[in-house]
Amino acid sequence: MFRRIVFVALVAPLLAVAPSALPSAAAPAPKAANDGAVHPEWGSTKGEKGVLRKSCKKYHYTYSITPPEGDWAIEIVISDPDLEHVGGGVFMAGYDPKNGTGTYTLCFNNTRYGRFTIEAKVSVANGPGGYVEGFLPPSHFRLHRPRR
Protein backbone atom coordinates (compact mmCIF):
# COMPACT_ATOMS: atom_id res chain seq x y z
CA MET A 1 0.00 0.00 0.00
CA PHE A 2 2.83 2.36 0.86
CA ARG A 3 4.46 1.68 -2.51
CA ARG A 4 1.25 2.56 -4.30
CA ILE A 5 0.99 5.91 -2.50
CA VAL A 6 4.62 6.75 -3.28
CA PHE A 7 4.14 5.75 -6.92
CA VAL A 8 1.03 7.95 -7.27
CA ALA A 9 2.80 10.82 -5.51
CA LEU A 10 5.71 10.62 -7.95
CA VAL A 11 3.79 9.96 -11.17
CA ALA A 12 0.78 12.30 -10.68
CA PRO A 13 2.77 15.53 -11.11
CA LEU A 14 4.39 14.12 -14.28
CA LEU A 15 1.02 13.20 -15.76
CA ALA A 16 -0.32 16.67 -15.08
CA VAL A 17 2.58 18.26 -16.99
CA ALA A 18 2.96 15.61 -19.70
CA PRO A 19 0.29 16.78 -22.13
CA SER A 20 1.84 20.25 -22.40
CA ALA A 21 5.40 18.90 -22.44
CA LEU A 22 4.83 16.40 -25.21
CA PRO A 23 4.95 17.63 -28.78
CA SER A 24 1.58 17.64 -30.44
CA ALA A 25 0.90 14.76 -32.75
CA ALA A 26 2.10 15.66 -36.22
CA ALA A 27 -0.52 15.70 -38.91
CA PRO A 28 0.13 13.16 -41.64
CA ALA A 29 2.08 14.57 -44.56
CA PRO A 30 -0.26 15.63 -47.33
CA LYS A 31 -0.19 13.39 -50.39
CA ALA A 32 1.21 15.01 -53.46
CA ALA A 33 -1.44 16.14 -55.88
CA ASN A 34 -2.11 13.69 -58.70
CA ASP A 35 -0.14 10.96 -56.93
CA GLY A 36 -0.26 7.91 -59.17
CA ALA A 37 -2.31 9.52 -61.95
CA VAL A 38 -1.35 9.04 -65.59
CA HIS A 39 -0.94 12.28 -67.55
CA PRO A 40 -0.62 11.79 -71.31
CA GLU A 41 -0.67 15.57 -71.73
CA TRP A 42 2.67 15.77 -69.86
CA GLY A 43 4.59 13.88 -72.52
CA SER A 44 5.75 10.50 -73.78
CA THR A 45 8.63 8.05 -74.02
CA LYS A 46 9.74 5.81 -76.86
CA GLY A 47 12.13 2.88 -76.97
CA GLU A 48 14.40 1.84 -79.80
CA LYS A 49 13.17 -1.40 -81.32
CA GLY A 50 15.74 -3.68 -82.83
CA VAL A 51 17.85 -6.75 -82.27
CA LEU A 52 19.03 -8.04 -78.92
CA ARG A 53 22.69 -8.80 -79.61
CA LYS A 54 24.58 -11.76 -78.14
CA SER A 55 26.95 -9.41 -76.29
CA CYS A 56 26.47 -6.18 -74.35
CA LYS A 57 25.25 -3.19 -76.34
CA LYS A 58 24.03 0.34 -75.72
CA TYR A 59 20.39 0.99 -76.54
CA HIS A 60 18.59 4.32 -76.78
CA TYR A 61 15.22 5.73 -75.75
CA THR A 62 13.71 9.17 -76.12
CA TYR A 63 11.53 11.29 -73.88
CA SER A 64 9.51 14.41 -74.54
CA ILE A 65 7.72 16.27 -71.76
CA THR A 66 5.60 19.38 -71.32
CA PRO A 67 5.26 19.44 -67.52
CA PRO A 68 3.25 21.93 -65.46
CA GLU A 69 5.03 25.19 -64.61
CA GLY A 70 7.95 24.78 -62.18
CA ASP A 71 11.14 22.81 -61.67
CA TRP A 72 10.62 19.36 -63.13
CA ALA A 73 12.34 16.00 -62.95
CA ILE A 74 11.59 12.83 -64.86
CA GLU A 75 12.58 9.36 -63.66
CA ILE A 76 12.61 6.64 -66.30
CA VAL A 77 12.64 2.88 -65.67
CA ILE A 78 13.01 0.27 -68.40
CA SER A 79 11.76 -3.27 -67.71
CA ASP A 80 12.44 -6.43 -69.70
CA PRO A 81 9.83 -9.06 -70.67
CA ASP A 82 10.10 -10.60 -67.17
CA LEU A 83 9.45 -7.12 -65.65
CA GLU A 84 12.99 -6.95 -64.26
CA HIS A 85 14.40 -3.41 -64.25
CA VAL A 86 17.24 -3.31 -66.78
CA GLY A 87 17.87 0.39 -67.33
CA GLY A 88 16.70 3.92 -66.82
CA GLY A 89 17.66 7.50 -66.24
CA VAL A 90 16.86 10.76 -64.50
CA PHE A 91 16.55 14.13 -66.21
CA MET A 92 16.04 17.51 -64.49
CA ALA A 93 15.11 21.08 -65.35
CA GLY A 94 18.17 23.29 -65.54
CA TYR A 95 20.39 20.39 -66.60
CA ASP A 96 18.51 18.56 -69.34
CA PRO A 97 16.23 19.58 -72.21
CA LYS A 98 12.53 18.78 -72.20
CA ASN A 99 13.10 16.57 -75.27
CA GLY A 100 16.06 14.25 -75.16
CA THR A 101 17.65 10.85 -75.49
CA GLY A 102 18.87 8.45 -72.85
CA THR A 103 21.04 5.36 -73.14
CA TYR A 104 21.39 2.16 -71.18
CA THR A 105 23.51 -0.94 -71.60
CA LEU A 106 21.84 -4.29 -71.97
CA CYS A 107 23.61 -7.63 -71.98
CA PHE A 108 22.13 -10.69 -73.64
CA ASN A 109 22.96 -13.00 -70.72
CA ASN A 110 20.91 -10.81 -68.32
CA THR A 111 17.63 -10.75 -70.24
CA ARG A 112 15.72 -12.30 -73.14
CA TYR A 113 14.01 -11.31 -76.38
CA GLY A 114 10.57 -9.81 -76.22
CA ARG A 115 8.51 -6.80 -75.24
CA PHE A 116 10.19 -4.16 -73.08
CA THR A 117 8.36 -1.43 -71.16
CA ILE A 118 9.34 2.16 -70.38
CA GLU A 119 7.69 3.83 -67.39
CA ALA A 120 8.27 7.47 -66.45
CA LYS A 121 7.40 9.48 -63.35
CA VAL A 122 7.30 13.28 -63.61
CA SER A 123 7.69 15.45 -60.49
CA VAL A 124 7.23 19.24 -60.50
CA ALA A 125 7.99 21.66 -57.65
CA ASN A 126 6.53 25.15 -57.93
CA GLY A 127 7.32 27.09 -54.76
CA PRO A 128 6.48 26.17 -51.17
CA GLY A 129 3.67 23.67 -51.04
CA GLY A 130 3.36 23.53 -54.81
CA TYR A 131 4.30 19.96 -55.69
CA VAL A 132 2.69 17.64 -58.20
CA GLU A 133 3.71 14.27 -59.55
CA GLY A 134 2.28 11.84 -62.01
CA PHE A 135 3.18 9.24 -64.60
CA LEU A 136 3.48 9.34 -68.35
CA PRO A 137 1.66 6.57 -70.21
CA PRO A 138 3.92 3.50 -70.42
CA SER A 139 5.45 2.77 -73.81
CA HIS A 140 6.59 -0.54 -75.24
CA PHE A 141 9.15 -1.74 -77.75
CA ARG A 142 10.48 -5.09 -78.90
CA LEU A 143 13.95 -6.51 -79.12
CA HIS A 144 14.13 -9.53 -81.45
CA ARG A 145 16.64 -12.32 -81.92
CA PRO A 146 19.19 -11.88 -84.73
CA ARG A 147 18.32 -13.37 -88.13
CA ARG A 148 20.09 -16.58 -88.99
Foldseek 3Di string as FASTA:
>chain_A
DVVVVVVCVVCVVVVVCVVVPDDDDDDDDDDAPAVAAADQQFWDKAWDEEAQDQFKDKGKMKIAGDDPDAKKKKWKFKAAPVRDTQDIDMDIPPGDDNIDMDMGMDGPVVGHWDKMKMKMKMWGDDPPPHIHIYIYDMDIYTHHHDDD
